[in-house]
Amino acid sequence: MTGEKKSKKEDKAVPAKGRGKVKLEIYGEEMVEKIVKLSGNSGRVYLPPDWVGCRVKIVRVD
């Protein structure tokens, strides 16, 4: 490297908009398919209570 410090903008990933669809392969224990509901200024998805404390990954499919 040239010793230059990267700006915080350079460290962030480019948003997926405009890149088209990508194929993702994920291994896991269970899967549920839900519709995100409006909740104030954000969205919300309810998951099974036995998933509390587990790591999850959310993938937007459309």
PDB file of N, CA and C in Angstrom:
ATOM      1  N   MET A   1       0.825  -1.191   0.000  1.00  0.00           N
ATOM      2  CA  MET A   1       0.000   0.000   0.000  1.00  0.00           C
ATOM      3  C   MET A   1       0.859   1.239   0.000  1.00  0.00           C
ATOM      4  N   THR A   2       0.246   2.323  -0.366  1.00  0.00           N
ATOM      5  CA  THR A   2       0.990   3.570  -0.463  1.00  0.00           C
ATOM      6  C   THR A   2       1.017   4.338   0.847  1.00  0.00           C
ATOM      7  N   GLY A   3       0.451   3.771   1.902  1.00  0.00           N
ATOM      8  CA  GLY A   3       0.435   4.442   3.187  1.00  0.00           C
ATOM      9  C   GLY A   3      -0.754   5.379   3.351  1.00  0.00           C
ATOM     10  N   GLU A   4      -1.593   5.476   2.302  1.00  0.00           N
ATOM     11  CA  GLU A   4      -2.773   6.329   2.412  1.00  0.00           C
ATOM     12  C   GLU A   4      -3.823   5.636   3.266  1.00  0.00           C
ATOM     13  N   LYS A   5      -4.537   6.423   4.014  1.00  0.00           N
ATOM     14  CA  LYS A   5      -5.604   5.877   4.849  1.00  0.00           C
ATOM     15  C   LYS A   5      -6.888   5.854   4.027  1.00  0.00           C
ATOM     16  N   LYS A   6      -7.604   4.708   4.063  1.00  0.00           N
ATOM     17  CA  LYS A   6      -8.861   4.613   3.336  1.00  0.00           C
ATOM     18  C   LYS A   6      -9.926   5.419   4.049  1.00  0.00           C
ATOM     19  N   SER A   7     -10.787   6.065   3.272  1.00  0.00           N
ATOM     20  CA  SER A   7     -11.905   6.769   3.882  1.00  0.00           C
ATOM     21  C   SER A   7     -12.968   5.754   4.272  1.00  0.00           C
ATOM     22  N   LYS A   8     -13.867   6.154   5.165  1.00  0.00           N
ATOM     23  CA  LYS A   8     -14.920   5.242   5.608  1.00  0.00           C
ATOM     24  C   LYS A   8     -15.837   4.865   4.457  1.00  0.00           C
ATOM     25  N   LYS A   9     -16.026   5.751   3.474  1.00  0.00           N
ATOM     26  CA  LYS A   9     -16.868   5.439   2.329  1.00  0.00           C
ATOM     27  C   LYS A   9     -16.277   4.304   1.511  1.00  0.00           C
ATOM     28  N   GLU A  10     -14.979   4.221   1.398  1.00  0.00           N
ATOM     29  CA  GLU A  10     -14.331   3.170   0.613  1.00  0.00           C
ATOM     30  C   GLU A  10     -14.465   1.805   1.283  1.00  0.00           C
ATOM     31  N   ASP A  11     -14.592   1.780   2.609  1.00  0.00           N
ATOM     32  CA  ASP A  11     -14.703   0.521   3.329  1.00  0.00           C
ATOM     33  C   ASP A  11     -16.079  -0.124   3.189  1.00  0.00           C
ATOM     34  N   LYS A  12     -17.092   0.669   2.867  1.00  0.00           N
ATOM     35  CA  LYS A  12     -18.455   0.137   2.790  1.00  0.00           C
ATOM     36  C   LYS A  12     -18.659  -0.596   1.479  1.00  0.00           C
ATOM     37  N   ALA A  13     -19.467  -1.647   1.524  1.00  0.00           N
ATOM     38  CA  ALA A  13     -19.784  -2.417   0.327  1.00  0.00           C
ATOM     39  C   ALA A  13     -20.728  -1.613  -0.560  1.00  0.00           C
ATOM     40  N   VAL A  14     -20.645  -1.842  -1.857  1.00  0.00           N
ATOM     41  CA  VAL A  14     -21.521  -1.178  -2.804  1.00  0.00           C
ATOM     42  C   VAL A  14     -22.909  -1.789  -2.690  1.00  0.00           C
ATOM     43  N   PRO A  15     -23.955  -0.979  -2.630  1.00  0.00           N
ATOM     44  CA  PRO A  15     -25.307  -1.539  -2.540  1.00  0.00           C
ATOM     45  C   PRO A  15     -25.623  -2.431  -3.732  1.00  0.00           C
ATOM     46  N   ALA A  16     -26.475  -3.431  -3.507  1.00  0.00           N
ATOM     47  CA  ALA A  16     -26.801  -4.408  -4.542  1.00  0.00           C
ATOM     48  C   ALA A  16     -27.649  -3.820  -5.661  1.00  0.00           C
ATOM     49  N   LYS A  17     -28.294  -2.676  -5.442  1.00  0.00           N
ATOM     50  CA  LYS A  17     -29.135  -2.084  -6.471  1.00  0.00           C
ATOM     51  C   LYS A  17     -28.297  -1.782  -7.706  1.00  0.00           C
ATOM     52  N   GLY A  18     -28.824  -2.138  -8.850  1.00  0.00           N
ATOM     53  CA  GLY A  18     -28.127  -1.864 -10.094  1.00  0.00           C
ATOM     54  C   GLY A  18     -27.190  -2.975 -10.518  1.00  0.00           C
ATOM     55  N   ARG A  19     -26.923  -3.942  -9.655  1.00  0.00           N
ATOM     56  CA  ARG A  19     -26.021  -5.038 -10.000  1.00  0.00           C
ATOM     57  C   ARG A  19     -26.756  -6.254 -10.536  1.00  0.00           C
ATOM     58  N   GLY A  20     -28.071  -6.294 -10.431  1.00  0.00           N
ATOM     59  CA  GLY A  20     -28.818  -7.464 -10.862  1.00  0.00           C
ATOM     60  C   GLY A  20     -28.843  -8.518  -9.769  1.00  0.00           C
ATOM     61  N   LYS A  21     -29.349  -9.692 -10.116  1.00  0.00           N
ATOM     62  CA  LYS A  21     -29.464 -10.769  -9.136  1.00  0.00           C
ATOM     63  C   LYS A  21     -28.160 -11.544  -9.019  1.00  0.00           C
ATOM     64  N   VAL A  22     -27.939 -12.111  -7.848  1.00  0.00           N
ATOM     65  CA  VAL A  22     -26.776 -12.955  -7.595  1.00  0.00           C
ATOM     66  C   VAL A  22     -27.264 -14.273  -7.031  1.00  0.00           C
ATOM     67  N   LYS A  23     -26.491 -15.317  -7.210  1.00  0.00           N
ATOM     68  CA  LYS A  23     -26.830 -16.630  -6.654  1.00  0.00           C
ATOM     69  C   LYS A  23     -26.076 -16.798  -5.349  1.00  0.00           C
ATOM     70  N   LEU A  24     -26.810 -17.171  -4.296  1.00  0.00           N
ATOM     71  CA  LEU A  24     -26.210 -17.397  -2.990  1.00  0.00           C
ATOM     72  C   LEU A  24     -26.496 -18.819  -2.565  1.00  0.00           C
ATOM     73  N   GLU A  25     -25.514 -19.467  -1.992  1.00  0.00           N
ATOM     74  CA  GLU A  25     -25.687 -20.816  -1.463  1.00  0.00           C
ATOM     75  C   GLU A  25     -25.436 -20.749   0.029  1.00  0.00           C
ATOM     76  N   ILE A  26     -26.446 -21.133   0.817  1.00  0.00           N
ATOM     77  CA  ILE A  26     -26.366 -21.016   2.269  1.00  0.00           C
ATOM     78  C   ILE A  26     -26.691 -22.365   2.896  1.00  0.00           C
ATOM     79  N   TYR A  27     -25.886 -22.783   3.850  1.00  0.00           N
ATOM     80  CA  TYR A  27     -26.141 -24.003   4.600  1.00  0.00           C
ATOM     81  C   TYR A  27     -26.679 -23.616   5.961  1.00  0.00           C
ATOM     82  N   GLY A  28     -27.718 -24.325   6.416  1.00  0.00           N
ATOM     83  CA  GLY A  28     -28.290 -23.989   7.706  1.00  0.00           C
ATOM     84  C   GLY A  28     -29.139 -25.120   8.248  1.00  0.00           C
ATOM     85  N   GLU A  29     -29.841 -24.831   9.306  1.00  0.00           N
ATOM     86  CA  GLU A  29     -30.664 -25.809  10.007  1.00  0.00           C
ATOM     87  C   GLU A  29     -32.112 -25.788   9.550  1.00  0.00           C
ATOM     88  N   GLU A  30     -32.692 -24.599   9.420  1.00  0.00           N
ATOM     89  CA  GLU A  30     -34.095 -24.442   9.055  1.00  0.00           C
ATOM     90  C   GLU A  30     -34.234 -23.204   8.186  1.00  0.00           C
ATOM     91  N   MET A  31     -35.382 -23.107   7.489  1.00  0.00           N
ATOM     92  CA  MET A  31     -35.664 -21.917   6.701  1.00  0.00           C
ATOM     93  C   MET A  31     -37.149 -21.611   6.794  1.00  0.00           C
ATOM     94  N   VAL A  32     -37.476 -20.353   6.896  1.00  0.00           N
ATOM     95  CA  VAL A  32     -38.855 -19.905   6.787  1.00  0.00           C
ATOM     96  C   VAL A  32     -38.891 -18.814   5.732  1.00  0.00           C
ATOM     97  N   GLU A  33     -40.000 -18.695   5.032  1.00  0.00           N
ATOM     98  CA  GLU A  33     -40.166 -17.630   4.048  1.00  0.00           C
ATOM     99  C   GLU A  33     -41.286 -16.731   4.535  1.00  0.00           C
ATOM    100  N   LYS A  34     -40.998 -15.455   4.686  1.00  0.00           N
ATOM    101  CA  LYS A  34     -41.948 -14.497   5.240  1.00  0.00           C
ATOM    102  C   LYS A  34     -41.983 -13.249   4.372  1.00  0.00           C
ATOM    103  N   ILE A  35     -43.034 -12.448   4.564  1.00  0.00           N
ATOM    104  CA  ILE A  35     -43.151 -11.126   3.962  1.00  0.00           C
ATOM    105  C   ILE A  35     -42.819 -10.106   5.049  1.00  0.00           C
ATOM    106  N   VAL A  36     -41.968  -9.143   4.731  1.00  0.00           N
ATOM    107  CA  VAL A  36     -41.604  -8.106   5.688  1.00  0.00           C
ATOM    108  C   VAL A  36     -42.785  -7.148   5.824  1.00  0.00           C
ATOM    109  N   LYS A  37     -43.175  -6.865   7.057  1.00  0.00           N
ATOM    110  CA  LYS A  37     -44.292  -5.957   7.347  1.00  0.00           C
ATOM    111  C   LYS A  37     -43.747  -4.603   7.788  1.00  0.00           C
ATOM    112  N   LEU A  38     -44.492  -3.553   7.487  1.00  0.00           N
ATOM    113  CA  LEU A  38     -44.119  -2.209   7.898  1.00  0.00           C
ATOM    114  C   LEU A  38     -44.215  -2.085   9.410  1.00  0.00           C
ATOM    115  N   SER A  39     -43.215  -1.446  10.002  1.00  0.00           N
ATOM    116  CA  SER A  39     -43.198  -1.223  11.447  1.00  0.00           C
ATOM    117  C   SER A  39     -42.543   0.135  11.705  1.00  0.00           C
ATOM    118  N   GLY A  40     -43.350   1.173  11.799  1.00  0.00           N
ATOM    119  CA  GLY A  40     -42.799   2.519  11.978  1.00  0.00           C
ATOM    120  C   GLY A  40     -42.049   2.949  10.732  1.00  0.00           C
ATOM    121  N   ASN A  41     -40.763   3.278  10.898  1.00  0.00           N
ATOM    122  CA  ASN A  41     -39.921   3.699   9.776  1.00  0.00           C
ATOM    123  C   ASN A  41     -39.059   2.565   9.244  1.00  0.00           C
ATOM    124  N   SER A  42     -39.370   1.329   9.598  1.00  0.00           N
ATOM    125  CA  SER A  42     -38.561   0.196   9.149  1.00  0.00           C
ATOM    126  C   SER A  42     -39.465  -0.995   8.873  1.00  0.00           C
ATOM    127  N   GLY A  43     -38.875  -2.144   8.651  1.00  0.00           N
ATOM    128  CA  GLY A  43     -39.630  -3.367   8.408  1.00  0.00           C
ATOM    129  C   GLY A  43     -39.408  -4.366   9.524  1.00  0.00           C
ATOM    130  N   ARG A  44     -40.327  -5.339   9.619  1.00  0.00           N
ATOM    131  CA  ARG A  44     -40.242  -6.323  10.694  1.00  0.00           C
ATOM    132  C   ARG A  44     -40.636  -7.693  10.162  1.00  0.00           C
ATOM    133  N   VAL A  45     -39.927  -8.708  10.625  1.00  0.00           N
ATOM    134  CA  VAL A  45     -40.254 -10.102  10.327  1.00  0.00           C
ATOM    135  C   VAL A  45     -40.280 -10.844  11.651  1.00  0.00           C
ATOM    136  N   TYR A  46     -41.366 -11.566  11.907  1.00  0.00           N
ATOM    137  CA  TYR A  46     -41.451 -12.372  13.125  1.00  0.00           C
ATOM    138  C   TYR A  46     -40.928 -13.762  12.833  1.00  0.00           C
ATOM    139  N   LEU A  47     -40.101 -14.263  13.734  1.00  0.00           N
ATOM    140  CA  LEU A  47     -39.505 -15.590  13.594  1.00  0.00           C
ATOM    141  C   LEU A  47     -39.945 -16.465  14.766  1.00  0.00           C
ATOM    142  N   PRO A  48     -39.788 -17.774  14.636  1.00  0.00           N
ATOM    143  CA  PRO A  48     -40.207 -18.669  15.727  1.00  0.00           C
ATOM    144  C   PRO A  48     -39.477 -18.346  17.035  1.00  0.00           C
ATOM    145  N   PRO A  49     -40.173 -18.468  18.170  1.00  0.00           N
ATOM    146  CA  PRO A  49     -39.552 -18.123  19.456  1.00  0.00           C
ATOM    147  C   PRO A  49     -38.361 -19.015  19.809  1.00  0.00           C
ATOM    148  N   ASP A  50     -38.309 -20.235  19.273  1.00  0.00           N
ATOM    149  CA  ASP A  50     -37.151 -21.083  19.581  1.00  0.00           C
ATOM    150  C   ASP A  50     -35.901 -20.642  18.818  1.00  0.00           C
ATOM    151  N   TRP A  51     -36.034 -19.654  17.918  1.00  0.00           N
ATOM    152  CA  TRP A  51     -34.870 -19.100  17.217  1.00  0.00           C
ATOM    153  C   TRP A  51     -34.210 -17.977  18.021  1.00  0.00           C
ATOM    154  N   VAL A  52     -34.824 -17.537  19.103  1.00  0.00           N
ATOM    155  CA  VAL A  52     -34.263 -16.453  19.908  1.00  0.00           C
ATOM    156  C   VAL A  52     -32.881 -16.866  20.402  1.00  0.00           C
ATOM    157  N   GLY A  53     -31.913 -16.001  20.220  1.00  0.00           N
ATOM    158  CA  GLY A  53     -30.536 -16.277  20.622  1.00  0.00           C
ATOM    159  C   GLY A  53     -29.707 -16.958  19.555  1.00  0.00           C
ATOM    160  N   CYS A  54     -30.337 -17.366  18.447  1.00  0.00           N
ATOM    161  CA  CYS A  54     -29.614 -18.019  17.353  1.00  0.00           C
ATOM    162  C   CYS A  54     -29.134 -16.981  16.331  1.00  0.00           C
ATOM    163  N   ARG A  55     -28.082 -17.311  15.629  1.00  0.00           N
ATOM    164  CA  ARG A  55     -27.625 -16.475  14.519  1.00  0.00           C
ATOM    165  C   ARG A  55     -28.494 -16.774  13.308  1.00  0.00           C
ATOM    166  N   VAL A  56     -28.932 -15.737  12.602  1.00  0.00           N
ATOM    167  CA  VAL A  56     -29.728 -15.899  11.399  1.00  0.00           C
ATOM    168  C   VAL A  56     -29.136 -15.031  10.296  1.00  0.00           C
ATOM    169  N   LYS A  57     -29.461 -15.349   9.065  1.00  0.00           N
ATOM    170  CA  LYS A  57     -29.058 -14.535   7.918  1.00  0.00           C
ATOM    171  C   LYS A  57     -30.313 -14.240   7.119  1.00  0.00           C
ATOM    172  N   ILE A  58     -30.493 -12.999   6.745  1.00  0.00           N
ATOM    173  CA  ILE A  58     -31.661 -12.579   5.992  1.00  0.00           C
ATOM    174  C   ILE A  58     -31.232 -12.301   4.564  1.00  0.00           C
ATOM    175  N   VAL A  59     -31.936 -12.886   3.603  1.00  0.00           N
ATOM    176  CA  VAL A  59     -31.628 -12.695   2.186  1.00  0.00           C
ATOM    177  C   VAL A  59     -32.875 -12.152   1.506  1.00  0.00           C
ATOM    178  N   ARG A  60     -32.763 -11.000   0.868  1.00  0.00           N
ATOM    179  CA  ARG A  60     -33.895 -10.442   0.120  1.00  0.00           C
ATOM    180  C   ARG A  60     -33.960 -11.140  -1.228  1.00  0.00           C
ATOM    181  N   VAL A  61     -35.104 -11.736  -1.547  1.00  0.00           N
ATOM    182  CA  VAL A  61     -35.214 -12.522  -2.772  1.00  0.00           C
ATOM    183  C   VAL A  61     -35.931 -11.798  -3.898  1.00  0.00           C
ATOM    184  N   ASP A  62     -36.571 -10.655  -3.631  1.00  0.00           N
ATOM    185  CA  ASP A  62     -37.145  -9.873  -4.727  1.00  0.00           C
ATOM    186  C   ASP A  62     -37.162  -8.403  -4.385  1.00  0.00           C
TER     187      ASP A  62
END
